[in-house]
């Protein structure tokens, strides 16, 4: 039990958060490789250990052991090698939640190649930008008409791309993945010498979906999966041989957070539901029918599931509910606990690293709080001079001590951009530019992005507090609070709101919501402007584009 986990963590059981904070360690080997040291290692010590249970909306279902995935990834590695893929080559994958993603990811690790996980929503311009920024040599895409068409149209502007591989079907000009690997040997030897991979080689590139400008190419090395031991074992609290589900597409860093790395190191079985689109009732049904043990989803999904009759579903098998991606409004976790008997444990982080703050097992969740800092990353709240702030004061969330010991899991820079890398992680600490404050018990509370904080009539107003107050009202499903121009005050608080079923915009409702905020938080924080919309503008990654709303309203940052 815990065989793989114990190889990298001298100690895995702790008596308290303080014990965990002071004594948790990860030992990073010089040549850690997820394909060999996790997938193949589990296959060696427990050949029949279940790794993946996959299903989709078409009624298909498949179960894979680690042995299955070890052999399939060997075949894929042999096939990709024949296509010229080797150590350091970059491959972009647009595979939704197809089971083949896990095979491809393990195969590319074994080859020492670098993988770019990418979204189904990318346009030909997005694909070409990524291909040229990272010298992409091969595309592996799901059989989706939109995805394949965008990829084909990007090819004339993507000269480094040599091969197109298609998964789950056939298409002219593409190499079918199943045919590619079916004739290949299941034997594969770990490369040695110059082809051997070290923990410092680049394994992953995530292109962050910024609200403005071109996305940044965030690089993670081969030690990155080890950082997610914290994410899976101690925040999501996955259990060995039990089903864990994180709701995310393979194109996002959240997939790495919740559907492959830390979970497999800890020996959990990944439950993958390849949904055509998010339908709250279908997701609740899957949780019930498959008797999941741990579950993680973005706050927005919890909010929409709460629009359903949650009490009608048997969710009693779930021992731990978790969330990340956006701040979790207190009202959501309060209502979820009323209906399920369990709190939602929040985690906080970025594409650039594993979970940084979380409600770990020894911490009682507090509505509205992200929890406490991860022991792996030495997280502190710092002022503009790099000095730690006092309890109750706002500070920037920072990963400190980089010069002393660079933590596994944290990104190692931006691809082909030494200057930006040096600015971000070349000093004593990495500043996320997210603001938070800490209470006297050490719990941290999110305020907002530094540039999202509203300065109005001499006050600093964090948008998250106002948003949390609004979503307590039954009329509000989700909202974005931003600054809007005002001729007298300079800037005022504006709320852009998506209404729940059964509610319609009206002056009366606006006044009701404004009064609700005045009673829930400090009166000066209430939104003087309220706009109702069908949906909020979001990045490809699902984050609200508050800056876009400000720009449309004429606010100059």
Protein backbone atom coordinates (compact mmCIF):
# COMPACT_ATOMS: atom_id res chain seq x y z
CA UNK A 1 0.00 0.00 0.00
CA UNK A 2 1.22 3.55 -0.81
CA UNK A 3 4.24 1.90 -2.44
CA UNK A 4 5.02 4.65 -4.95
CA UNK A 5 4.15 7.49 -2.59
CA UNK A 6 6.53 6.26 0.10
CA UNK A 7 9.44 6.30 -2.35
CA UNK A 8 9.32 10.10 -2.49
CA UNK A 9 7.89 11.10 0.89
CA UNK A 10 9.91 9.98 3.94
CA UNK A 11 6.77 10.46 6.00
CA UNK A 12 3.15 10.48 4.86
CA UNK A 13 1.12 10.49 8.12
CA UNK A 14 0.90 13.56 10.34
CA UNK A 15 -0.81 14.41 13.63
CA UNK A 16 -1.73 18.02 12.93
CA UNK A 17 -1.43 20.81 10.41
CA UNK A 18 1.56 22.13 12.34
CA UNK A 19 3.22 18.71 12.17
CA UNK A 20 2.45 18.57 8.44
CA UNK A 21 3.72 22.12 7.86
CA UNK A 22 6.98 21.52 9.69
CA UNK A 23 7.84 17.98 8.63
CA UNK A 24 6.41 17.17 5.19
CA UNK A 25 9.13 16.61 2.59
CA UNK A 26 9.41 15.39 -1.00
CA UNK A 27 12.66 13.81 -2.14
CA UNK A 28 13.20 14.44 -5.84
CA UNK A 29 15.43 11.91 -7.64
CA UNK A 30 17.87 13.17 -10.22
CA UNK A 31 15.99 11.37 -13.00
CA UNK A 32 12.31 11.10 -12.00
CA UNK A 33 10.04 10.18 -14.92
CA UNK A 34 6.29 9.76 -14.40
CA UNK A 35 5.95 7.20 -17.20
CA UNK A 36 8.48 4.79 -15.70
CA UNK A 37 8.48 5.64 -12.02
CA UNK A 38 4.70 5.76 -11.53
CA UNK A 39 2.83 4.04 -14.37
CA UNK A 40 5.35 1.24 -14.96
CA UNK A 41 6.19 0.94 -11.27
CA UNK A 42 2.59 0.33 -10.23
CA UNK A 43 2.28 -2.20 -13.06
CA UNK A 44 5.36 -3.97 -11.72
CA UNK A 45 4.34 -4.19 -8.05
CA UNK A 46 0.54 -4.57 -8.53
CA UNK A 47 -0.16 -5.75 -12.10
CA UNK A 48 -3.94 -5.78 -11.66
CA UNK A 49 -4.20 -2.44 -9.89
CA UNK A 50 -7.01 -0.39 -11.46
CA UNK A 51 -5.77 2.96 -12.80
CA UNK A 52 -8.61 4.43 -14.86
CA UNK A 53 -12.37 4.01 -15.22
CA UNK A 54 -13.57 5.91 -18.28
CA UNK A 55 -17.10 6.48 -19.60
CA UNK A 56 -18.92 8.89 -21.88
CA UNK A 57 -22.41 10.11 -22.76
CA UNK A 58 -22.69 7.52 -25.56
CA UNK A 59 -22.76 4.73 -22.97
CA UNK A 60 -19.22 3.51 -23.61
CA UNK A 61 -17.18 2.39 -20.62
CA UNK A 62 -13.64 1.07 -20.26
CA UNK A 63 -11.46 0.09 -17.33
CA UNK A 64 -7.66 0.12 -17.48
CA UNK A 65 -5.15 -1.36 -15.08
CA UNK A 66 -1.68 0.11 -14.72
CA UNK A 67 -0.43 -2.88 -16.70
CA UNK A 68 -2.80 -1.99 -19.55
CA UNK A 69 -1.57 1.59 -19.58
CA UNK A 70 2.08 0.57 -19.27
CA UNK A 71 1.85 -1.65 -22.34
CA UNK A 72 -0.28 0.76 -24.37
CA UNK A 73 2.09 3.64 -23.63
CA UNK A 74 5.01 1.45 -24.69
CA UNK A 75 3.30 0.84 -28.02
CA UNK A 76 2.59 4.56 -28.39
CA UNK A 77 6.21 5.41 -27.56
CA UNK A 78 7.41 3.02 -30.27
CA UNK A 79 4.99 4.54 -32.78
CA UNK A 80 5.89 8.13 -31.93
CA UNK A 81 9.60 7.35 -32.10
CA UNK A 82 9.12 6.15 -35.68
CA UNK A 83 7.48 9.51 -36.42
CA UNK A 84 10.64 11.23 -35.22
CA UNK A 85 9.57 12.19 -31.71
CA UNK A 86 12.33 12.05 -29.13
CA UNK A 87 13.76 13.82 -26.12
CA UNK A 88 12.98 17.53 -26.11
CA UNK A 89 10.50 17.43 -29.00
CA UNK A 90 7.19 19.20 -28.38
CA UNK A 91 3.80 17.60 -29.02
CA UNK A 92 0.46 19.40 -28.66
CA UNK A 93 -2.55 17.34 -27.62
CA UNK A 94 -6.20 18.34 -28.02
CA UNK A 95 -7.95 15.27 -26.68
CA UNK A 96 -10.86 16.42 -24.51
CA UNK A 97 -11.35 13.68 -21.87
CA UNK A 98 -10.62 10.72 -24.16
CA UNK A 99 -8.93 7.77 -22.40
CA UNK A 100 -6.17 7.93 -25.00
CA UNK A 101 -4.85 11.10 -23.35
CA UNK A 102 -3.49 9.10 -20.41
CA UNK A 103 -1.74 6.72 -22.83
CA UNK A 104 -0.25 9.54 -24.91
CA UNK A 105 0.90 11.49 -21.84
CA UNK A 106 2.70 8.46 -20.39
CA UNK A 107 4.27 7.65 -23.77
CA UNK A 108 5.60 11.17 -24.24
CA UNK A 109 7.10 11.07 -20.75
CA UNK A 110 8.89 7.85 -21.64
CA UNK A 111 10.29 9.47 -24.77
CA UNK A 112 11.42 12.54 -22.85
CA UNK A 113 9.23 14.70 -25.08
CA UNK A 114 7.36 17.80 -23.95
CA UNK A 115 3.57 17.85 -24.01
CA UNK A 116 1.34 20.88 -24.53
CA UNK A 117 -2.19 20.10 -23.33
CA UNK A 118 -4.63 22.25 -25.29
CA UNK A 119 -8.32 23.13 -25.32
CA UNK A 120 -10.99 22.12 -27.82
CA UNK A 121 -11.89 25.80 -28.17
CA UNK A 122 -8.64 26.89 -29.80
CA UNK A 123 -8.93 28.61 -33.17
CA UNK A 124 -6.48 28.20 -36.04
CA UNK A 125 -4.76 31.40 -34.85
CA UNK A 126 -4.40 29.97 -31.32
CA UNK A 127 -2.99 26.70 -32.62
CA UNK A 128 -0.50 28.42 -34.93
CA UNK A 129 0.62 30.75 -32.14
CA UNK A 130 1.34 27.81 -29.83
CA UNK A 131 2.97 25.78 -32.57
CA UNK A 132 5.36 28.60 -33.46
CA UNK A 133 6.03 29.70 -29.89
CA UNK A 134 7.08 26.20 -28.82
CA UNK A 135 8.31 24.61 -32.09
CA UNK A 136 5.55 21.99 -31.99
CA UNK A 137 6.53 18.92 -34.01
CA UNK A 138 3.28 16.89 -33.87
CA UNK A 139 -0.41 17.40 -33.15
CA UNK A 140 -2.53 14.67 -31.53
CA UNK A 141 -6.23 15.56 -31.72
CA UNK A 142 -9.57 14.00 -30.97
CA UNK A 143 -11.84 13.23 -33.92
CA UNK A 144 -13.82 16.46 -33.73
CA UNK A 145 -14.74 18.38 -36.87
CA UNK A 146 -14.06 21.82 -35.38
CA UNK A 147 -10.76 20.83 -33.77
CA UNK A 148 -9.42 19.08 -36.84
CA UNK A 149 -10.50 21.86 -39.20
CA UNK A 150 -8.80 24.52 -37.05
CA UNK A 151 -5.64 22.40 -36.91
CA UNK A 152 -5.61 21.90 -40.69
CA UNK A 153 -6.13 25.60 -41.35
CA UNK A 154 -3.28 26.42 -38.93
CA UNK A 155 -0.80 24.17 -40.75
CA UNK A 156 0.32 26.68 -43.44
CA UNK A 157 1.37 29.01 -40.61
CA UNK A 158 2.91 26.22 -38.50
CA UNK A 159 6.01 25.06 -40.38
CA UNK A 160 7.46 22.99 -37.52
CA UNK A 161 4.48 20.59 -37.43
CA UNK A 162 5.38 17.38 -39.26
CA UNK A 163 2.58 14.96 -38.38
CA UNK A 164 -1.12 14.97 -37.49
CA UNK A 165 -2.44 12.08 -35.39
CA UNK A 166 -6.17 11.56 -34.85
CA UNK A 167 -7.80 9.73 -31.95
CA UNK A 168 -11.15 7.89 -32.05
CA UNK A 169 -11.69 7.90 -35.80
CA UNK A 170 -10.19 8.54 -39.22
CA UNK A 171 -9.74 11.62 -41.38
CA UNK A 172 -7.90 12.27 -44.60
CA UNK A 173 -4.39 13.53 -44.00
CA UNK A 174 -4.31 12.28 -40.41
CA UNK A 175 -2.67 9.17 -38.93
CA UNK A 176 -5.17 7.09 -36.90
CA UNK A 177 -3.80 6.58 -33.39
CA UNK A 178 -5.27 3.10 -32.91
CA UNK A 179 -3.74 1.85 -36.15
CA UNK A 180 -0.42 3.51 -35.37
CA UNK A 181 0.04 1.69 -32.10
CA UNK A 182 -1.72 -1.64 -32.81
CA UNK A 183 1.20 -3.13 -34.73
CA UNK A 184 3.86 -1.87 -32.33
CA UNK A 185 5.70 -3.91 -29.75
CA UNK A 186 4.73 -3.65 -26.08
CA UNK A 187 8.43 -3.78 -25.21
CA UNK A 188 10.20 -0.53 -24.46
CA UNK A 189 13.45 0.13 -22.67
CA UNK A 190 14.11 3.19 -20.56
CA UNK A 191 16.62 5.32 -22.52
CA UNK A 192 20.11 5.79 -21.16
CA UNK A 193 22.92 8.21 -21.85
CA UNK A 194 22.06 11.30 -23.85
CA UNK A 195 18.45 10.20 -24.36
CA UNK A 196 17.86 9.74 -20.62
CA UNK A 197 15.62 12.30 -18.95
CA UNK A 198 16.51 14.21 -15.80
CA UNK A 199 14.05 15.76 -13.36
CA UNK A 200 15.12 19.19 -14.63
CA UNK A 201 14.18 18.60 -18.28
CA UNK A 202 10.97 20.23 -19.54
CA UNK A 203 8.00 17.88 -19.41
CA UNK A 204 4.99 20.21 -19.77
CA UNK A 205 4.12 23.56 -21.31
CA UNK A 206 0.82 25.17 -20.38
CA UNK A 207 -0.29 28.23 -22.33
CA UNK A 208 -2.11 30.39 -19.80
CA UNK A 209 -5.33 31.95 -21.03
CA UNK A 210 -4.72 35.57 -20.14
CA UNK A 211 -7.50 38.13 -20.40
CA UNK A 212 -5.37 40.34 -22.66
CA UNK A 213 -2.32 39.82 -24.85
CA UNK A 214 -0.85 36.55 -25.97
CA UNK A 215 -0.86 33.57 -23.59
CA UNK A 216 2.34 32.85 -21.66
CA UNK A 217 4.10 29.50 -22.15
CA UNK A 218 4.48 28.16 -18.61
CA UNK A 219 7.14 25.44 -18.31
CA UNK A 220 7.15 22.56 -15.81
CA UNK A 221 9.97 20.07 -15.48
CA UNK A 222 9.78 16.31 -14.96
CA UNK A 223 9.71 16.77 -11.16
CA UNK A 224 6.35 18.57 -11.51
CA UNK A 225 4.12 15.51 -10.82
CA UNK A 226 5.76 15.06 -7.41
CA UNK A 227 4.53 18.50 -6.37
CA UNK A 228 0.97 17.28 -6.86
CA UNK A 229 1.33 14.79 -4.00
CA UNK A 230 0.20 17.74 -1.87
CA UNK A 231 -2.73 18.42 -4.24
CA UNK A 232 -4.06 14.86 -4.34
CA UNK A 233 -3.11 13.22 -1.06
CA UNK A 234 -3.56 16.08 1.37
CA UNK A 235 -6.13 18.42 -0.18
CA UNK A 236 -8.36 16.25 -2.37
CA UNK A 237 -7.62 13.41 0.09
CA UNK A 238 -7.75 10.68 -2.55
CA UNK A 239 -7.78 7.10 -1.29
CA UNK A 240 -5.74 4.27 -2.73
CA UNK A 241 -7.80 2.00 -5.04
CA UNK A 242 -10.86 4.28 -4.66
CA UNK A 243 -12.48 6.38 -7.38
CA UNK A 244 -11.54 10.05 -7.62
CA UNK A 245 -13.12 12.52 -10.04
CA UNK A 246 -11.96 16.00 -10.94
CA UNK A 247 -14.17 17.73 -13.49
CA UNK A 248 -11.91 19.18 -16.16
CA UNK A 249 -10.85 18.83 -19.76
CA UNK A 250 -7.36 17.53 -20.57
CA UNK A 251 -6.44 20.94 -22.02
CA UNK A 252 -6.16 22.59 -18.61
CA UNK A 253 -3.64 22.56 -15.78
CA UNK A 254 -6.53 21.44 -13.58
CA UNK A 255 -6.28 18.08 -15.36
CA UNK A 256 -2.73 17.76 -14.06
CA UNK A 257 -4.00 18.82 -10.65
CA UNK A 258 -6.81 16.29 -10.49
CA UNK A 259 -6.79 13.56 -13.12
CA UNK A 260 -3.35 12.05 -13.44
CA UNK A 261 -0.23 13.00 -11.48
CA UNK A 262 -0.76 13.15 -7.73
CA UNK A 263 -3.70 10.76 -7.91
CA UNK A 264 -1.68 7.98 -9.53
CA UNK A 265 1.33 8.58 -7.29
CA UNK A 266 -1.05 8.06 -4.35
CA UNK A 267 -2.49 4.91 -5.96
CA UNK A 268 -6.03 6.20 -6.53
CA UNK A 269 -8.24 5.17 -9.45
CA UNK A 270 -9.19 8.04 -11.74
CA UNK A 271 -12.83 8.27 -12.77
CA UNK A 272 -13.09 10.04 -16.13
CA UNK A 273 -16.50 11.09 -17.43
CA UNK A 274 -16.08 12.29 -21.03
CA UNK A 275 -19.18 14.48 -21.05
CA UNK A 276 -20.36 16.14 -24.25
CA UNK A 277 -21.30 19.20 -22.20
CA UNK A 278 -21.81 20.00 -18.54
CA UNK A 279 -25.33 19.01 -17.43
CA UNK A 280 -25.62 19.32 -13.62
CA UNK A 281 -28.16 16.52 -13.24
CA UNK A 282 -26.01 14.09 -15.27
CA UNK A 283 -22.96 14.86 -13.19
CA UNK A 284 -24.87 14.31 -9.94
CA UNK A 285 -26.12 11.01 -11.35
CA UNK A 286 -22.56 9.85 -12.12
CA UNK A 287 -21.39 10.67 -8.60
CA UNK A 288 -24.25 8.59 -7.25
CA UNK A 289 -24.08 5.66 -9.67
CA UNK A 290 -20.32 5.12 -9.54
CA UNK A 291 -20.07 5.65 -5.77
CA UNK A 292 -17.17 8.06 -6.01
CA UNK A 293 -14.99 8.49 -2.92
CA UNK A 294 -13.48 11.92 -3.64
CA UNK A 295 -14.71 14.67 -5.95
CA UNK A 296 -13.38 18.03 -7.14
CA UNK A 297 -15.05 20.62 -9.38
CA UNK A 298 -14.85 24.39 -9.97
CA UNK A 299 -17.12 26.61 -7.83
CA UNK A 300 -19.28 27.42 -10.86
CA UNK A 301 -20.24 23.75 -11.21
CA UNK A 302 -21.23 23.54 -7.55
CA UNK A 303 -23.35 26.66 -8.02
CA UNK A 304 -25.15 25.14 -11.01
CA UNK A 305 -25.59 21.76 -9.27
CA UNK A 306 -27.25 23.63 -6.42
CA UNK A 307 -29.89 24.72 -8.94
CA UNK A 308 -30.89 21.03 -9.11
CA UNK A 309 -32.55 18.90 -6.42
CA UNK A 310 -29.26 17.79 -4.84
CA UNK A 311 -31.05 16.02 -1.99
CA UNK A 312 -32.64 13.63 -4.51
CA UNK A 313 -29.22 12.07 -5.25
CA UNK A 314 -27.34 9.69 -2.96
CA UNK A 315 -23.92 11.31 -2.62
CA UNK A 316 -23.09 9.57 0.64
CA UNK A 317 -20.13 7.66 -0.84
CA UNK A 318 -18.16 10.89 -1.25
CA UNK A 319 -15.82 11.38 1.69
CA UNK A 320 -14.33 14.66 0.50
CA UNK A 321 -15.64 17.40 -1.78
CA UNK A 322 -13.04 19.89 -3.04
CA UNK A 323 -12.95 22.94 -5.28
CA UNK A 324 -10.47 25.28 -6.97
CA UNK A 325 -10.19 27.45 -10.06
CA UNK A 326 -12.10 30.45 -8.74
CA UNK A 327 -12.77 31.58 -5.16
CA UNK A 328 -15.59 29.68 -3.47
CA UNK A 329 -18.35 31.89 -2.13
CA UNK A 330 -19.26 31.07 1.46
CA UNK A 331 -22.94 30.65 0.65
CA UNK A 332 -22.19 27.80 -1.77
CA UNK A 333 -20.38 25.69 0.81
CA UNK A 334 -23.06 26.47 3.44
CA UNK A 335 -25.85 25.27 1.13
CA UNK A 336 -23.83 22.24 -0.02
CA UNK A 337 -23.27 21.14 3.57
CA UNK A 338 -26.98 21.51 4.33
CA UNK A 339 -27.85 19.19 1.45
CA UNK A 340 -25.03 16.63 1.66
CA UNK A 341 -23.79 16.83 5.24
CA UNK A 342 -20.25 17.58 4.03
CA UNK A 343 -18.28 20.79 3.61
CA UNK A 344 -16.38 21.70 0.46
CA UNK A 345 -12.63 21.98 0.96
CA UNK A 346 -11.20 24.85 -1.03
CA UNK A 347 -7.78 24.90 -2.63
CA UNK A 348 -5.94 27.75 -4.30
CA UNK A 349 -3.21 27.81 -6.89
CA UNK A 350 -2.31 28.60 -10.47
CA UNK A 351 -1.26 26.98 -13.71
CA UNK A 352 2.24 27.80 -12.48
CA UNK A 353 2.19 25.31 -9.59
CA UNK A 354 0.36 22.73 -7.48
CA UNK A 355 -2.06 23.69 -4.70
CA UNK A 356 -0.56 26.59 -2.70
CA UNK A 357 -3.14 27.04 0.03
CA UNK A 358 -5.86 24.59 1.01
CA UNK A 359 -8.11 23.25 3.71
CA UNK A 360 -5.95 20.25 4.55
CA UNK A 361 -7.28 17.27 6.58
CA UNK A 362 -6.48 18.72 10.01
CA UNK A 363 -8.12 22.06 9.18
CA UNK A 364 -11.83 22.66 9.72
CA UNK A 365 -13.11 24.44 6.61
CA UNK A 366 -14.25 28.01 7.17
CA UNK A 367 -16.73 29.40 4.67
CA UNK A 368 -14.99 31.94 2.48
CA UNK A 369 -11.45 30.81 3.38
CA UNK A 370 -8.88 29.16 1.11
CA UNK A 371 -7.39 27.41 4.13
CA UNK A 372 -3.73 27.53 5.08
CA UNK A 373 -0.40 27.48 3.20
CA UNK A 374 1.07 24.32 1.71
CA UNK A 375 4.24 23.23 3.52
CA UNK A 376 5.91 22.50 0.20
CA UNK A 377 5.98 26.05 -1.14
CA UNK A 378 6.59 28.28 1.89
CA UNK A 379 3.70 30.60 0.99
CA UNK A 380 3.60 34.03 2.66
CA UNK A 381 1.59 37.23 2.25
CA UNK A 382 4.02 40.05 1.44
CA UNK A 383 3.71 43.82 1.07
CA UNK A 384 5.21 45.87 -1.77
CA UNK A 385 8.61 45.77 -0.06
CA UNK A 386 8.68 41.98 0.29
CA UNK A 387 7.89 42.09 4.03
CA UNK A 388 5.33 39.69 5.51
CA UNK A 389 2.13 41.50 6.50
CA UNK A 390 0.43 41.30 9.88
CA UNK A 391 -2.81 39.39 10.53
CA UNK A 392 -5.77 41.26 9.05
CA UNK A 393 -3.68 43.15 6.50
CA UNK A 394 -3.82 42.53 2.76
CA UNK A 395 -0.72 41.13 1.11
CA UNK A 396 0.33 39.53 -2.16
CA UNK A 397 0.41 35.72 -2.15
CA UNK A 398 4.05 34.73 -2.71
CA UNK A 399 6.06 31.50 -2.89
CA UNK A 400 9.20 32.30 -0.90
CA UNK A 401 12.62 30.78 -0.34
CA UNK A 402 13.33 30.03 -4.00
CA UNK A 403 17.05 30.61 -3.59
CA UNK A 404 17.24 28.17 -0.66
CA UNK A 405 15.33 25.21 -2.15
CA UNK A 406 13.30 25.36 -5.36
CA UNK A 407 10.05 23.47 -4.65
CA UNK A 408 8.97 20.57 -6.90
CA UNK A 409 5.77 21.39 -8.75
CA UNK A 410 6.41 25.11 -9.18
CA UNK A 411 6.96 26.21 -12.77
CA UNK A 412 10.55 26.78 -13.79
CA UNK A 413 10.00 29.66 -16.20
CA UNK A 414 8.49 30.72 -19.50
CA UNK A 415 9.47 28.93 -22.72
CA UNK A 416 12.14 30.83 -24.69
CA UNK A 417 11.75 33.92 -22.48
CA UNK A 418 14.70 34.32 -20.13
CA UNK A 419 13.82 37.88 -19.17
CA UNK A 420 10.27 37.07 -18.06
CA UNK A 421 11.55 33.94 -16.30
CA UNK A 422 14.14 35.96 -14.40
CA UNK A 423 11.53 38.56 -13.40
CA UNK A 424 9.12 35.91 -12.09
CA UNK A 425 11.22 33.22 -10.43
CA UNK A 426 14.77 34.50 -10.57
CA UNK A 427 14.71 36.16 -7.16
CA UNK A 428 13.92 35.23 -3.57
CA UNK A 429 10.20 34.78 -4.16
CA UNK A 430 7.51 34.37 -6.82
CA UNK A 431 4.69 36.92 -6.59
CA UNK A 432 1.33 35.63 -7.86
CA UNK A 433 -0.15 39.16 -7.79
CA UNK A 434 -3.20 37.75 -6.03
CA UNK A 435 -4.19 39.56 -2.83
CA UNK A 436 -5.30 37.88 0.39
CA UNK A 437 -5.43 38.47 4.13
CA UNK A 438 -4.88 36.13 7.07
CA UNK A 439 -6.88 35.89 10.28
CA UNK A 440 -5.45 35.29 13.76
CA UNK A 441 -5.86 31.51 13.36
CA UNK A 442 -3.79 31.40 10.17
CA UNK A 443 -6.71 31.02 7.72
CA UNK A 444 -6.25 32.96 4.47
CA UNK A 445 -9.04 34.79 2.62
CA UNK A 446 -8.91 35.76 -1.03
CA UNK A 447 -9.38 39.45 -1.89
CA UNK A 448 -8.80 39.49 -5.65
CA UNK A 449 -6.21 39.99 -8.34
CA UNK A 450 -4.11 43.02 -7.56
CA UNK A 451 -5.51 44.84 -10.60
CA UNK A 452 -9.09 43.75 -9.77
CA UNK A 453 -9.17 45.51 -6.37
CA UNK A 454 -11.46 48.54 -6.60
CA UNK A 455 -10.27 51.90 -5.25
CA UNK A 456 -13.35 54.02 -4.61
CA UNK A 457 -13.74 57.21 -2.52
CA UNK A 458 -10.60 56.39 -0.54
CA UNK A 459 -11.62 52.77 0.11
CA UNK A 460 -10.04 49.56 -1.20
CA UNK A 461 -12.79 47.08 -2.06
CA UNK A 462 -12.04 43.44 -2.85
CA UNK A 463 -14.45 42.16 -5.53
CA UNK A 464 -14.68 38.67 -4.03
CA UNK A 465 -16.30 39.91 -0.80
CA UNK A 466 -19.04 41.72 -2.73
CA UNK A 467 -19.52 38.76 -5.08
CA UNK A 468 -19.85 36.45 -2.09
CA UNK A 469 -22.52 38.69 -0.60
CA UNK A 470 -24.46 38.73 -3.86
CA UNK A 471 -24.45 34.97 -4.42
CA UNK A 472 -25.99 34.51 -0.98
CA UNK A 473 -29.16 35.89 -2.58
CA UNK A 474 -31.24 33.16 -4.26
CA UNK A 475 -31.63 35.26 -7.41
CA UNK A 476 -27.91 35.20 -8.22
CA UNK A 477 -26.17 32.21 -9.85
CA UNK A 478 -22.86 33.95 -10.51
CA UNK A 479 -21.56 37.47 -10.80
CA UNK A 480 -18.51 39.63 -11.45
CA UNK A 481 -17.81 42.77 -9.43
CA UNK A 482 -15.66 45.43 -11.10
CA UNK A 483 -14.94 49.15 -11.04
CA UNK A 484 -16.99 51.42 -13.28
CA UNK A 485 -16.32 55.10 -14.03
CA UNK A 486 -18.21 57.78 -12.10
CA UNK A 487 -17.98 61.57 -12.68
CA UNK A 488 -18.05 62.38 -8.95
CA UNK A 489 -16.38 59.45 -7.18
CA UNK A 490 -13.98 58.54 -9.97
CA UNK A 491 -14.91 54.87 -9.72
CA UNK A 492 -17.84 52.98 -8.24
CA UNK A 493 -18.67 49.33 -7.69
CA UNK A 494 -20.51 47.56 -10.49
CA UNK A 495 -22.04 44.07 -10.39
CA UNK A 496 -22.59 42.08 -13.59
CA UNK A 497 -25.05 39.32 -12.68
CA UNK A 498 -26.37 36.05 -14.12
CA UNK A 499 -29.79 35.36 -12.62
CA UNK A 500 -31.11 32.02 -11.38
CA UNK A 501 -34.09 30.30 -12.95
CA UNK A 502 -37.37 32.07 -12.25
CA UNK A 503 -35.90 35.56 -11.79
CA UNK A 504 -36.15 38.47 -14.21
CA UNK A 505 -34.26 41.78 -14.22
CA UNK A 506 -36.13 44.70 -12.64
CA UNK A 507 -35.48 47.92 -10.75
CA UNK A 508 -37.08 46.33 -7.71
CA UNK A 509 -34.70 43.34 -7.84
CA UNK A 510 -31.74 45.70 -8.25
CA UNK A 511 -32.69 47.61 -5.11
CA UNK A 512 -33.23 44.35 -3.27
CA UNK A 513 -29.77 43.10 -4.22
CA UNK A 514 -28.15 46.41 -3.31
CA UNK A 515 -29.81 46.41 0.12
CA UNK A 516 -28.78 42.77 0.59
CA UNK A 517 -25.13 43.69 0.08
CA UNK A 518 -25.43 46.66 2.45
CA UNK A 519 -26.70 44.34 5.18
CA UNK A 520 -24.22 41.54 4.46
CA UNK A 521 -21.02 43.59 4.28
CA UNK A 522 -19.93 47.18 4.80
CA UNK A 523 -22.58 49.48 3.22
CA UNK A 524 -20.05 51.47 1.18
CA UNK A 525 -19.23 48.28 -0.77
CA UNK A 526 -22.67 47.90 -2.34
CA UNK A 527 -22.84 47.94 -6.19
CA UNK A 528 -24.15 51.28 -7.36
CA UNK A 529 -24.48 49.85 -10.87
CA UNK A 530 -26.11 46.47 -11.59
CA UNK A 531 -26.15 44.90 -15.04
CA UNK A 532 -27.92 41.62 -15.86
CA UNK A 533 -26.45 39.29 -18.49
CA UNK A 534 -27.08 35.77 -19.76
CA UNK A 535 -23.46 34.78 -19.21
CA UNK A 536 -20.22 36.29 -18.00
CA UNK A 537 -17.25 36.76 -20.33
CA UNK A 538 -14.65 34.11 -19.53
CA UNK A 539 -11.24 32.99 -20.70
CA UNK A 540 -10.83 29.70 -22.52
CA UNK A 541 -9.88 28.31 -19.11
CA UNK A 542 -13.20 29.39 -17.59
CA UNK A 543 -11.98 32.35 -15.51
CA UNK A 544 -14.13 35.49 -15.46
CA UNK A 545 -12.71 38.30 -17.61
CA UNK A 546 -13.15 41.14 -15.12
CA UNK A 547 -10.61 43.22 -17.02
CA UNK A 548 -12.69 42.92 -20.20
CA UNK A 549 -15.76 44.18 -18.33
CA UNK A 550 -13.75 47.13 -16.97
CA UNK A 551 -12.40 47.92 -20.45
CA UNK A 552 -15.89 47.82 -21.99
CA UNK A 553 -17.05 50.23 -19.30
CA UNK A 554 -14.22 52.63 -20.09
CA UNK A 555 -12.07 52.02 -17.02
CA UNK A 556 -8.36 52.54 -17.64
CA UNK A 557 -6.18 50.37 -15.36
